Amino acid sequence: MFKWFGMVNFTPYTRVAEFAAHLKDGRIMASRCSACGARSFPPRADCAACMAREFEWMEISGRGTLHTFTTIAAAPTGFERYAPYTVGVVDLEEGGRALAWLGGTIPSGEIAIGMTLQLVPRIEEDVEEIRVFYSLERPGTTWSKAGAATVGERQAPPAAAGARRREQV
């Protein structure tokens, strides 16, 4: 299921593969250790606190506070067509941090450390194989299918090759 992120995964099996299936269904999920109750996002197969292997899934709100951000003008290989683009790290209310593209609901001039944001699941089905990802948006933004960016609209790009170019506001 990790191929849905559009990147090659050299790990043939992972116990947290269901994360992609939950994201496809519009849910942001974390893992909770069955032994000690420690929560983790992104999900972990082994508990960082006690190293237990058993965990359960828990849905989280995705709400958090922007910890840091950067605009990437010189993109790494495979992401050149999206540059410039902005990514941010958010401290989640339920614990953990997420790194994600800043989506179209946040104008570039309004991005500020400490602002409240929300992880929002996205799915692109207009390609040969579906792609899932999440973006950082204004609180209250709901899950939606990824669509074509209109002129002047910033949108988190799909993870797949051949995806539409992200436009800067």
C-alpha atoms as a PDB file:
ATOM      1  CA  MET A   1       0.000   0.000   0.000  1.00  0.00           C
ATOM      2  CA  PHE A   2       2.956   2.374   0.419  1.00  0.00           C
ATOM      3  CA  LYS A   3       3.172   2.523  -3.390  1.00  0.00           C
ATOM      4  CA  TRP A   4       0.088   4.747  -3.090  1.00  0.00           C
ATOM      5  CA  PHE A   5       2.451   7.459  -1.829  1.00  0.00           C
ATOM      6  CA  GLY A   6       4.077   7.377  -5.265  1.00  0.00           C
ATOM      7  CA  MET A   7       7.520   6.461  -4.021  1.00  0.00           C
ATOM      8  CA  VAL A   8       9.328   3.139  -4.243  1.00  0.00           C
ATOM      9  CA  ASN A   9       9.373   1.248  -0.968  1.00  0.00           C
ATOM     10  CA  PHE A  10      12.152  -1.279  -0.643  1.00  0.00           C
ATOM     11  CA  THR A  11      10.612  -2.807   2.466  1.00  0.00           C
ATOM     12  CA  PRO A  12       8.513  -5.752   1.278  1.00  0.00           C
ATOM     13  CA  TYR A  13       6.384  -5.855   4.424  1.00  0.00           C
ATOM     14  CA  THR A  14       5.587  -3.462   7.226  1.00  0.00           C
ATOM     15  CA  ARG A  15       3.159  -3.745  10.100  1.00  0.00           C
ATOM     16  CA  VAL A  16       2.029  -0.128   9.621  1.00  0.00           C
ATOM     17  CA  ALA A  17       1.033  -0.518   5.948  1.00  0.00           C
ATOM     18  CA  GLU A  18      -2.629   0.003   6.879  1.00  0.00           C
ATOM     19  CA  PHE A  19      -1.770   3.687   7.398  1.00  0.00           C
ATOM     20  CA  ALA A  20      -2.112   4.228   3.633  1.00  0.00           C
ATOM     21  CA  ALA A  21      -5.498   2.453   3.560  1.00  0.00           C
ATOM     22  CA  HIS A  22      -6.805   4.651   6.394  1.00  0.00           C
ATOM     23  CA  LEU A  23      -5.501   7.763   4.626  1.00  0.00           C
ATOM     24  CA  LYS A  24      -7.257   6.645   1.432  1.00  0.00           C
ATOM     25  CA  ASP A  25     -10.487   6.490   3.470  1.00  0.00           C
ATOM     26  CA  GLY A  26      -9.951  10.039   4.744  1.00  0.00           C
ATOM     27  CA  ARG A  27      -8.646   9.243   8.248  1.00  0.00           C
ATOM     28  CA  ILE A  28      -5.401  10.382   9.883  1.00  0.00           C
ATOM     29  CA  MET A  29      -4.251   7.520  12.110  1.00  0.00           C
ATOM     30  CA  ALA A  30      -1.583   7.196  14.775  1.00  0.00           C
ATOM     31  CA  SER A  31      -0.397   4.094  16.571  1.00  0.00           C
ATOM     32  CA  ARG A  32      -0.872   3.432  20.291  1.00  0.00           C
ATOM     33  CA  CYS A  33       1.264   0.876  22.114  1.00  0.00           C
ATOM     34  CA  SER A  34      -0.859  -1.929  23.564  1.00  0.00           C
ATOM     35  CA  ALA A  35       1.623  -2.414  26.414  1.00  0.00           C
ATOM     36  CA  CYS A  36       2.275   1.110  27.716  1.00  0.00           C
ATOM     37  CA  GLY A  37      -0.212   3.327  25.843  1.00  0.00           C
ATOM     38  CA  ALA A  38       2.411   5.571  24.205  1.00  0.00           C
ATOM     39  CA  ARG A  39       1.087   7.243  21.050  1.00  0.00           C
ATOM     40  CA  SER A  40       3.062   7.856  17.887  1.00  0.00           C
ATOM     41  CA  PHE A  41       2.596   9.831  14.701  1.00  0.00           C
ATOM     42  CA  PRO A  42       3.704   8.907  12.183  1.00  0.00           C
ATOM     43  CA  PRO A  43       2.656   5.386  13.175  1.00  0.00           C
ATOM     44  CA  ARG A  44       5.379   3.097  14.506  1.00  0.00           C
ATOM     45  CA  ALA A  45       5.388  -0.686  14.459  1.00  0.00           C
ATOM     46  CA  ASP A  46       7.571  -0.831  17.583  1.00  0.00           C
ATOM     47  CA  CYS A  47       6.977   1.387  20.607  1.00  0.00           C
ATOM     48  CA  ALA A  48       9.670   4.037  21.085  1.00  0.00           C
ATOM     49  CA  ALA A  49       8.981   4.058  24.852  1.00  0.00           C
ATOM     50  CA  CYS A  50       9.000   0.338  25.732  1.00  0.00           C
ATOM     51  CA  MET A  51       9.901  -1.408  22.437  1.00  0.00           C
ATOM     52  CA  ALA A  52       6.743  -3.566  22.522  1.00  0.00           C
ATOM     53  CA  ARG A  53       5.617  -4.844  19.115  1.00  0.00           C
ATOM     54  CA  GLU A  54       1.850  -4.815  19.667  1.00  0.00           C
ATOM     55  CA  PHE A  55      -0.062  -1.668  18.798  1.00  0.00           C
ATOM     56  CA  GLU A  56      -3.548  -0.495  17.900  1.00  0.00           C
ATOM     57  CA  TRP A  57      -4.700   2.193  15.519  1.00  0.00           C
ATOM     58  CA  MET A  58      -6.207   5.421  16.815  1.00  0.00           C
ATOM     59  CA  GLU A  59      -7.712   8.195  14.741  1.00  0.00           C
ATOM     60  CA  ILE A  60      -6.376  11.667  15.476  1.00  0.00           C
ATOM     61  CA  SER A  61      -7.770  15.081  14.609  1.00  0.00           C
ATOM     62  CA  GLY A  62      -4.693  16.213  12.703  1.00  0.00           C
ATOM     63  CA  ARG A  63      -4.830  19.607  14.441  1.00  0.00           C
ATOM     64  CA  GLY A  64      -1.545  21.133  15.456  1.00  0.00           C
ATOM     65  CA  THR A  65       0.756  24.130  15.586  1.00  0.00           C
ATOM     66  CA  LEU A  66       3.269  25.040  12.898  1.00  0.00           C
ATOM     67  CA  HIS A  67       6.732  24.369  14.333  1.00  0.00           C
ATOM     68  CA  THR A  68       8.782  25.406  11.288  1.00  0.00           C
ATOM     69  CA  PHE A  69       8.491  25.753   7.519  1.00  0.00           C
ATOM     70  CA  THR A  70      10.602  26.355   4.439  1.00  0.00           C
ATOM     71  CA  THR A  71      10.026  27.176   0.798  1.00  0.00           C
ATOM     72  CA  ILE A  72      12.045  24.959  -1.503  1.00  0.00           C
ATOM     73  CA  ALA A  73      13.202  26.582  -4.716  1.00  0.00           C
ATOM     74  CA  ALA A  74      15.933  24.102  -5.692  1.00  0.00           C
ATOM     75  CA  ALA A  75      13.966  20.871  -5.455  1.00  0.00           C
ATOM     76  CA  PRO A  76      15.547  17.420  -5.175  1.00  0.00           C
ATOM     77  CA  THR A  77      15.436  14.968  -8.056  1.00  0.00           C
ATOM     78  CA  GLY A  78      11.873  13.979  -8.893  1.00  0.00           C
ATOM     79  CA  PHE A  79      10.330  17.123  -7.400  1.00  0.00           C
ATOM     80  CA  GLU A  80      11.686  19.773  -9.792  1.00  0.00           C
ATOM     81  CA  ARG A  81       8.328  20.331 -11.483  1.00  0.00           C
ATOM     82  CA  TYR A  82       6.758  21.407  -8.163  1.00  0.00           C
ATOM     83  CA  ALA A  83       9.313  24.087  -7.226  1.00  0.00           C
ATOM     84  CA  PRO A  84       8.914  26.429  -5.595  1.00  0.00           C
ATOM     85  CA  TYR A  85       6.872  24.713  -2.888  1.00  0.00           C
ATOM     86  CA  THR A  86       6.488  25.108   0.855  1.00  0.00           C
ATOM     87  CA  VAL A  87       6.630  22.334   3.438  1.00  0.00           C
ATOM     88  CA  GLY A  88       6.060  22.595   7.156  1.00  0.00           C
ATOM     89  CA  VAL A  89       6.458  20.622  10.357  1.00  0.00           C
ATOM     90  CA  VAL A  90       3.457  20.670  12.679  1.00  0.00           C
ATOM     91  CA  ASP A  91       3.374  19.650  16.358  1.00  0.00           C
ATOM     92  CA  LEU A  92       0.176  17.602  16.609  1.00  0.00           C
ATOM     93  CA  GLU A  93      -2.264  18.080  19.518  1.00  0.00           C
ATOM     94  CA  GLU A  94      -2.361  14.320  20.159  1.00  0.00           C
ATOM     95  CA  GLY A  95       1.430  14.046  20.071  1.00  0.00           C
ATOM     96  CA  GLY A  96       3.991  13.566  17.366  1.00  0.00           C
ATOM     97  CA  ARG A  97       5.010  15.709  14.436  1.00  0.00           C
ATOM     98  CA  ALA A  98       4.092  15.667  10.778  1.00  0.00           C
ATOM     99  CA  LEU A  99       5.993  16.966   7.771  1.00  0.00           C
ATOM    100  CA  ALA A 100       3.711  17.960   4.897  1.00  0.00           C
ATOM    101  CA  TRP A 101       3.148  20.322   1.984  1.00  0.00           C
ATOM    102  CA  LEU A 102       1.317  23.542   2.852  1.00  0.00           C
ATOM    103  CA  GLY A 103      -1.913  23.460   0.875  1.00  0.00           C
ATOM    104  CA  GLY A 104      -3.977  25.967  -1.030  1.00  0.00           C
ATOM    105  CA  THR A 105      -6.006  27.257   1.923  1.00  0.00           C
ATOM    106  CA  ILE A 106      -2.998  29.125   3.321  1.00  0.00           C
ATOM    107  CA  PRO A 107      -1.731  32.134   1.327  1.00  0.00           C
ATOM    108  CA  SER A 108       2.084  32.373   1.309  1.00  0.00           C
ATOM    109  CA  GLY A 109       2.063  35.734   3.078  1.00  0.00           C
ATOM    110  CA  GLU A 110       0.060  34.348   6.015  1.00  0.00           C
ATOM    111  CA  ILE A 111       2.346  31.434   6.913  1.00  0.00           C
ATOM    112  CA  ALA A 112       3.692  31.955  10.441  1.00  0.00           C
ATOM    113  CA  ILE A 113       5.352  29.767  13.047  1.00  0.00           C
ATOM    114  CA  GLY A 114       2.848  29.061  15.820  1.00  0.00           C
ATOM    115  CA  MET A 115      -0.231  29.206  13.587  1.00  0.00           C
ATOM    116  CA  THR A 116      -2.880  26.522  14.011  1.00  0.00           C
ATOM    117  CA  LEU A 117      -3.084  24.050  11.122  1.00  0.00           C
ATOM    118  CA  GLN A 118      -4.713  20.735  10.335  1.00  0.00           C
ATOM    119  CA  LEU A 119      -3.487  17.669   8.441  1.00  0.00           C
ATOM    120  CA  VAL A 120      -5.972  16.876   5.686  1.00  0.00           C
ATOM    121  CA  PRO A 121      -5.968  13.563   3.778  1.00  0.00           C
ATOM    122  CA  ARG A 122      -5.855  13.817  -0.015  1.00  0.00           C
ATOM    123  CA  ILE A 123      -6.319  11.197  -2.715  1.00  0.00           C
ATOM    124  CA  GLU A 124      -5.631  11.397  -6.425  1.00  0.00           C
ATOM    125  CA  GLU A 125      -7.459   8.829  -8.516  1.00  0.00           C
ATOM    126  CA  ASP A 126      -6.949  10.409 -11.943  1.00  0.00           C
ATOM    127  CA  VAL A 127      -3.724   8.471 -12.501  1.00  0.00           C
ATOM    128  CA  GLU A 128      -3.026   4.846 -13.384  1.00  0.00           C
ATOM    129  CA  GLU A 129      -2.477   3.927  -9.718  1.00  0.00           C
ATOM    130  CA  ILE A 130      -4.075   5.938  -6.928  1.00  0.00           C
ATOM    131  CA  ARG A 131      -1.890   8.220  -4.821  1.00  0.00           C
ATOM    132  CA  VAL A 132      -2.523   9.305  -1.243  1.00  0.00           C
ATOM    133  CA  PHE A 133      -0.919  12.089   0.760  1.00  0.00           C
ATOM    134  CA  TYR A 134      -1.856  14.720   3.302  1.00  0.00           C
ATOM    135  CA  SER A 135      -1.410  18.470   3.326  1.00  0.00           C
ATOM    136  CA  LEU A 136      -1.363  21.171   5.992  1.00  0.00           C
ATOM    137  CA  GLU A 137      -4.442  23.371   5.732  1.00  0.00           C
ATOM    138  CA  ARG A 138      -6.501  25.867   7.728  1.00  0.00           C
ATOM    139  CA  PRO A 139      -8.460  24.221  10.568  1.00  0.00           C
ATOM    140  CA  GLY A 140     -11.865  23.043   9.406  1.00  0.00           C
ATOM    141  CA  THR A 141     -10.685  22.092   5.914  1.00  0.00           C
ATOM    142  CA  THR A 142     -12.221  18.740   5.052  1.00  0.00           C
ATOM    143  CA  TRP A 143     -10.907  15.695   3.239  1.00  0.00           C
ATOM    144  CA  SER A 144     -11.193  15.804  -0.517  1.00  0.00           C
ATOM    145  CA  LYS A 145      -9.933  14.241  -3.673  1.00  0.00           C
ATOM    146  CA  ALA A 146      -6.961  16.047  -5.169  1.00  0.00           C
ATOM    147  CA  GLY A 147      -7.957  18.012  -8.229  1.00  0.00           C
ATOM    148  CA  ALA A 148      -6.221  19.972 -10.909  1.00  0.00           C
ATOM    149  CA  ALA A 149      -4.721  23.208  -9.658  1.00  0.00           C
ATOM    150  CA  THR A 150      -6.210  26.309 -11.163  1.00  0.00           C
ATOM    151  CA  VAL A 151      -4.016  29.251 -12.108  1.00  0.00           C
ATOM    152  CA  GLY A 152      -2.677  30.942  -8.998  1.00  0.00           C
ATOM    153  CA  GLU A 153      -3.876  28.229  -6.619  1.00  0.00           C
ATOM    154  CA  ARG A 154      -1.346  26.584  -4.319  1.00  0.00           C
ATOM    155  CA  GLN A 155      -2.051  22.901  -3.917  1.00  0.00           C
ATOM    156  CA  ALA A 156      -0.094  20.081  -2.353  1.00  0.00           C
ATOM    157  CA  PRO A 157       1.091  18.044  -5.334  1.00  0.00           C
ATOM    158  CA  PRO A 158       0.283  14.398  -5.809  1.00  0.00           C
ATOM    159  CA  ALA A 159       3.172  12.120  -4.967  1.00  0.00           C
ATOM    160  CA  ALA A 160       3.193  10.494  -8.405  1.00  0.00           C
ATOM    161  CA  ALA A 161       5.403  11.136 -11.389  1.00  0.00           C
ATOM    162  CA  GLY A 162       3.474  12.838 -14.164  1.00  0.00           C
ATOM    163  CA  ALA A 163       1.468  14.829 -11.636  1.00  0.00           C
ATOM    164  CA  ARG A 164       0.288  18.355 -12.269  1.00  0.00           C
ATOM    165  CA  ARG A 165       2.601  21.253 -11.403  1.00  0.00           C
ATOM    166  CA  ARG A 166       2.045  23.083  -8.129  1.00  0.00           C
ATOM    167  CA  GLU A 167       1.501  26.789  -8.612  1.00  0.00           C
ATOM    168  CA  GLN A 168       2.764  29.451  -6.220  1.00  0.00           C
ATOM    169  CA  VAL A 169       0.452  32.274  -5.092  1.00  0.00           C
END
